[in-house]
Every structure is written in structure tokens, then in C-alpha cells.
């Protein structure tokens, strides 16, 4: 990043998450913060929370929960290589994500997919069976 994009003073949390490429737009970052998908130093922050270097941010995206330490601040969104220099994922977070990904992979491998789609008669039987359960 060039010197103009690095910021020494505080920066809004939604803007930092967008610049660090955790979210595609600031609106998505704002929504994630408001819905409790982002924790700043263990607490639910407001969108306008000022980010400081050294802070721990926990971000939930889909199945993954990432815990990152803020290394630098930037107010502009740059290339992914530059954005990765803004933060560092903690070792425990990385290990936990890899373990859960492996667990999901093994669970998915254990379930057998049907050989073919059910035909019309089978679908009707399935629908009748499901209606009887309710």
C-alpha cells in the first residue's frame, strides 16, 4: 500500500473490514456487525467502532469463525496481497478452522448420495410419507 492509504489514527470497523477484504462491500460489513457476526475484543461493537492496531477481531463467515489481530490500518481497499498485510489470523483460530473443515469433509464423505434422482412415483411416495409424519 502506498503511504497515503495507511492511516495512523482510528478507523471505523466497517471500513477496516471492507479494506481488509473480509466483506465485498461496506454495507455487507455493516450488516454483519449489526447481526452479531463480528466481535471486537470479545464484545459486540457498533459499526462506527474505532479500530486500533493490536486489537483482536472475531469474524463469522459461513461455517468459519476467524480470529484476527489487527496489524495495520488502511482506509482504501487494495489488492488481496496488500489487504492480507493488515491482519494476522491467530494460531488457535487457524487450527480450529482446519479441524472443523476436516470434520465437515469427513461427515460429508460418510453420507451416501442417491444413485439417481427419484422418479415421479417415488417422489409421490416421499411426499405422502412426509405428510403422514406431520
C-alpha atoms as a PDB file:
ATOM      1  CA  UNK A   1       0.000   0.000   0.000  1.00  0.00           C
ATOM      2  CA  UNK A   2       1.239   3.470  -0.640  1.00  0.00           C
ATOM      3  CA  UNK A   3       1.802   5.882   2.231  1.00  0.00           C
ATOM      4  CA  UNK A   4      -1.424   7.781   1.547  1.00  0.00           C
ATOM      5  CA  UNK A   5      -3.659   4.784   2.268  1.00  0.00           C
ATOM      6  CA  UNK A   6      -2.134   3.817   5.604  1.00  0.00           C
ATOM      7  CA  UNK A   7      -3.807   5.541   8.499  1.00  0.00           C
ATOM      8  CA  UNK A   8      -2.201   6.268  11.867  1.00  0.00           C
ATOM      9  CA  UNK A   9      -5.375   7.416  13.593  1.00  0.00           C
ATOM     10  CA  UNK A  10      -8.528   5.442  14.296  1.00  0.00           C
ATOM     11  CA  UNK A  11     -10.619   3.946  11.542  1.00  0.00           C
ATOM     12  CA  UNK A  12     -14.244   2.745  11.515  1.00  0.00           C
ATOM     13  CA  UNK A  13     -14.643  -1.013  11.964  1.00  0.00           C
ATOM     14  CA  UNK A  14     -16.853  -1.470   8.891  1.00  0.00           C
ATOM     15  CA  UNK A  15     -14.355   0.397   6.731  1.00  0.00           C
ATOM     16  CA  UNK A  16     -11.414  -1.658   8.029  1.00  0.00           C
ATOM     17  CA  UNK A  17     -13.260  -4.969   7.432  1.00  0.00           C
ATOM     18  CA  UNK A  18     -14.005  -3.829   3.887  1.00  0.00           C
ATOM     19  CA  UNK A  19     -10.414  -2.675   3.260  1.00  0.00           C
ATOM     20  CA  UNK A  20      -9.058  -5.965   4.672  1.00  0.00           C
ATOM     21  CA  UNK A  21     -11.332  -7.794   2.185  1.00  0.00           C
ATOM     22  CA  UNK A  22     -13.415  -9.711   4.690  1.00  0.00           C
ATOM     23  CA  UNK A  23     -16.528  -8.298   3.028  1.00  0.00           C
ATOM     24  CA  UNK A  24     -17.155  -7.254  -0.551  1.00  0.00           C
ATOM     25  CA  UNK A  25     -18.944  -4.027   0.370  1.00  0.00           C
ATOM     26  CA  UNK A  26     -19.115  -1.765   3.401  1.00  0.00           C
ATOM     27  CA  UNK A  27     -22.853  -2.409   3.531  1.00  0.00           C
ATOM     28  CA  UNK A  28     -22.210  -6.144   3.973  1.00  0.00           C
ATOM     29  CA  UNK A  29     -19.662  -5.381   6.690  1.00  0.00           C
ATOM     30  CA  UNK A  30     -22.188  -3.114   8.422  1.00  0.00           C
ATOM     31  CA  UNK A  31     -24.880  -5.801   8.281  1.00  0.00           C
ATOM     32  CA  UNK A  32     -22.515  -8.445   9.664  1.00  0.00           C
ATOM     33  CA  UNK A  33     -21.550  -6.187  12.579  1.00  0.00           C
ATOM     34  CA  UNK A  34     -25.187  -5.360  13.349  1.00  0.00           C
ATOM     35  CA  UNK A  35     -26.186  -9.048  13.207  1.00  0.00           C
ATOM     36  CA  UNK A  36     -23.534 -10.112  15.722  1.00  0.00           C
ATOM     37  CA  UNK A  37     -21.169 -11.799  13.260  1.00  0.00           C
ATOM     38  CA  UNK A  38     -18.254  -9.589  14.329  1.00  0.00           C
ATOM     39  CA  UNK A  39     -16.784  -9.225  17.820  1.00  0.00           C
ATOM     40  CA  UNK A  40     -14.176  -6.624  18.741  1.00  0.00           C
ATOM     41  CA  UNK A  41     -12.073  -7.541  21.772  1.00  0.00           C
ATOM     42  CA  UNK A  42     -14.747 -10.050  22.829  1.00  0.00           C
ATOM     43  CA  UNK A  43     -17.651  -7.580  22.689  1.00  0.00           C
ATOM     44  CA  UNK A  44     -20.308  -6.794  20.110  1.00  0.00           C
ATOM     45  CA  UNK A  45     -19.267  -3.451  18.624  1.00  0.00           C
ATOM     46  CA  UNK A  46     -21.152  -0.728  16.846  1.00  0.00           C
ATOM     47  CA  UNK A  47     -20.415  -0.135  13.169  1.00  0.00           C
ATOM     48  CA  UNK A  48     -18.577   3.094  13.914  1.00  0.00           C
ATOM     49  CA  UNK A  49     -16.255   1.476  16.500  1.00  0.00           C
ATOM     50  CA  UNK A  50     -12.710   2.766  16.117  1.00  0.00           C
ATOM     51  CA  UNK A  51     -10.211   0.028  15.257  1.00  0.00           C
ATOM     52  CA  UNK A  52      -6.807   0.096  16.904  1.00  0.00           C
ATOM     53  CA  UNK A  53      -3.621  -1.755  15.955  1.00  0.00           C
ATOM     54  CA  UNK A  54      -3.217  -4.870  18.088  1.00  0.00           C
ATOM     55  CA  UNK A  55      -6.947  -5.423  18.600  1.00  0.00           C
ATOM     56  CA  UNK A  56      -8.481  -8.902  18.280  1.00  0.00           C
ATOM     57  CA  UNK A  57     -11.458  -9.192  15.965  1.00  0.00           C
ATOM     58  CA  UNK A  58     -13.577 -12.334  15.651  1.00  0.00           C
ATOM     59  CA  UNK A  59     -15.419 -12.686  12.328  1.00  0.00           C
ATOM     60  CA  UNK A  60     -18.004 -15.352  11.498  1.00  0.00           C
ATOM     61  CA  UNK A  61     -18.376 -16.057   7.784  1.00  0.00           C
ATOM     62  CA  UNK A  62     -20.487 -19.070   6.874  1.00  0.00           C
ATOM     63  CA  UNK A  63     -19.038 -22.099   8.647  1.00  0.00           C
ATOM     64  CA  UNK A  64     -15.794 -20.366   9.543  1.00  0.00           C
ATOM     65  CA  UNK A  65     -15.000 -18.301  12.614  1.00  0.00           C
ATOM     66  CA  UNK A  66     -11.785 -16.326  12.164  1.00  0.00           C
ATOM     67  CA  UNK A  67      -9.956 -14.537  14.937  1.00  0.00           C
ATOM     68  CA  UNK A  68      -7.533 -11.959  13.601  1.00  0.00           C
ATOM     69  CA  UNK A  69      -5.159  -9.448  15.120  1.00  0.00           C
ATOM     70  CA  UNK A  70      -5.057  -6.008  13.522  1.00  0.00           C
ATOM     71  CA  UNK A  71      -1.527  -5.236  12.288  1.00  0.00           C
ATOM     72  CA  UNK A  72      -2.191  -2.066  10.299  1.00  0.00           C
ATOM     73  CA  UNK A  73      -4.990   0.302   9.342  1.00  0.00           C
ATOM     74  CA  UNK A  74      -5.993   1.264   5.829  1.00  0.00           C
ATOM     75  CA  UNK A  75      -8.880   3.383   4.606  1.00  0.00           C
ATOM     76  CA  UNK A  76      -8.641   2.166   0.996  1.00  0.00           C
ATOM     77  CA  UNK A  77      -9.379  -1.244  -0.451  1.00  0.00           C
ATOM     78  CA  UNK A  78      -6.369  -2.582  -2.308  1.00  0.00           C
ATOM     79  CA  UNK A  79      -5.240  -5.872  -3.813  1.00  0.00           C
ATOM     80  CA  UNK A  80      -5.713  -9.034  -1.745  1.00  0.00           C
ATOM     81  CA  UNK A  81      -1.967  -9.370  -1.188  1.00  0.00           C
ATOM     82  CA  UNK A  82      -1.841  -5.901   0.353  1.00  0.00           C
ATOM     83  CA  UNK A  83      -5.038  -6.456   2.355  1.00  0.00           C
ATOM     84  CA  UNK A  84      -3.551  -9.568   3.999  1.00  0.00           C
ATOM     85  CA  UNK A  85      -0.819  -7.362   5.460  1.00  0.00           C
ATOM     86  CA  UNK A  86      -3.450  -5.538   7.540  1.00  0.00           C
ATOM     87  CA  UNK A  87      -4.112  -8.527   9.813  1.00  0.00           C
ATOM     88  CA  UNK A  88      -2.786 -11.862  11.034  1.00  0.00           C
ATOM     89  CA  UNK A  89      -5.003 -14.805  11.966  1.00  0.00           C
ATOM     90  CA  UNK A  90      -4.228 -16.299  15.373  1.00  0.00           C
ATOM     91  CA  UNK A  91      -2.776 -19.818  15.519  1.00  0.00           C
ATOM     92  CA  UNK A  92      -5.662 -21.176  17.593  1.00  0.00           C
ATOM     93  CA  UNK A  93      -8.179 -19.774  15.123  1.00  0.00           C
ATOM     94  CA  UNK A  94      -6.345 -21.313  12.169  1.00  0.00           C
ATOM     95  CA  UNK A  95      -6.101 -24.716  13.874  1.00  0.00           C
ATOM     96  CA  UNK A  96      -9.783 -24.618  14.867  1.00  0.00           C
ATOM     97  CA  UNK A  97     -10.888 -23.707  11.321  1.00  0.00           C
ATOM     98  CA  UNK A  98      -8.794 -26.518   9.811  1.00  0.00           C
ATOM     99  CA  UNK A  99     -10.196 -29.048  12.306  1.00  0.00           C
ATOM    100  CA  UNK A 100     -13.804 -28.052  11.613  1.00  0.00           C
ATOM    101  CA  UNK A 101     -13.201 -28.106   7.848  1.00  0.00           C
ATOM    102  CA  UNK A 102     -11.767 -31.619   8.126  1.00  0.00           C
ATOM    103  CA  UNK A 103     -14.713 -32.667  10.281  1.00  0.00           C
ATOM    104  CA  UNK A 104     -17.179 -31.296   7.694  1.00  0.00           C
ATOM    105  CA  UNK A 105     -15.300 -33.089   4.921  1.00  0.00           C
ATOM    106  CA  UNK A 106     -15.386 -36.413   6.773  1.00  0.00           C
ATOM    107  CA  UNK A 107     -19.059 -36.017   7.676  1.00  0.00           C
ATOM    108  CA  UNK A 108     -19.922 -35.251   4.057  1.00  0.00           C
ATOM    109  CA  UNK A 109     -17.983 -38.293   2.868  1.00  0.00           C
ATOM    110  CA  UNK A 110     -19.917 -40.549   5.277  1.00  0.00           C
ATOM    111  CA  UNK A 111     -23.307 -39.640   3.814  1.00  0.00           C
ATOM    112  CA  UNK A 112     -24.191 -41.520   0.657  1.00  0.00           C
ATOM    113  CA  UNK A 113     -25.682 -39.551  -2.196  1.00  0.00           C
ATOM    114  CA  UNK A 114     -28.532 -41.274  -4.048  1.00  0.00           C
ATOM    115  CA  UNK A 115     -27.513 -43.073  -7.207  1.00  0.00           C
ATOM    116  CA  UNK A 116     -30.172 -41.257  -9.191  1.00  0.00           C
ATOM    117  CA  UNK A 117     -32.988 -38.796  -8.659  1.00  0.00           C
ATOM    118  CA  UNK A 118     -36.313 -40.275  -7.568  1.00  0.00           C
ATOM    119  CA  UNK A 119     -38.820 -40.794 -10.364  1.00  0.00           C
ATOM    120  CA  UNK A 120     -42.354 -39.407 -10.271  1.00  0.00           C
ATOM    121  CA  UNK A 121     -43.811 -42.381  -8.401  1.00  0.00           C
ATOM    122  CA  UNK A 122     -41.042 -42.311  -5.781  1.00  0.00           C
ATOM    123  CA  UNK A 123     -41.449 -38.554  -5.269  1.00  0.00           C
ATOM    124  CA  UNK A 124     -45.165 -39.037  -4.616  1.00  0.00           C
ATOM    125  CA  UNK A 125     -44.393 -41.749  -2.083  1.00  0.00           C
ATOM    126  CA  UNK A 126     -41.876 -39.482  -0.361  1.00  0.00           C
ATOM    127  CA  UNK A 127     -44.416 -36.619  -0.208  1.00  0.00           C
ATOM    128  CA  UNK A 128     -47.098 -38.940   1.209  1.00  0.00           C
ATOM    129  CA  UNK A 129     -44.676 -40.247   3.822  1.00  0.00           C
ATOM    130  CA  UNK A 130     -43.672 -36.727   4.878  1.00  0.00           C
ATOM    131  CA  UNK A 131     -47.315 -35.656   5.178  1.00  0.00           C
ATOM    132  CA  UNK A 132     -48.043 -38.614   7.450  1.00  0.00           C
ATOM    133  CA  UNK A 133     -45.275 -37.581   9.856  1.00  0.00           C
ATOM    134  CA  UNK A 134     -46.873 -34.178  10.484  1.00  0.00           C
END
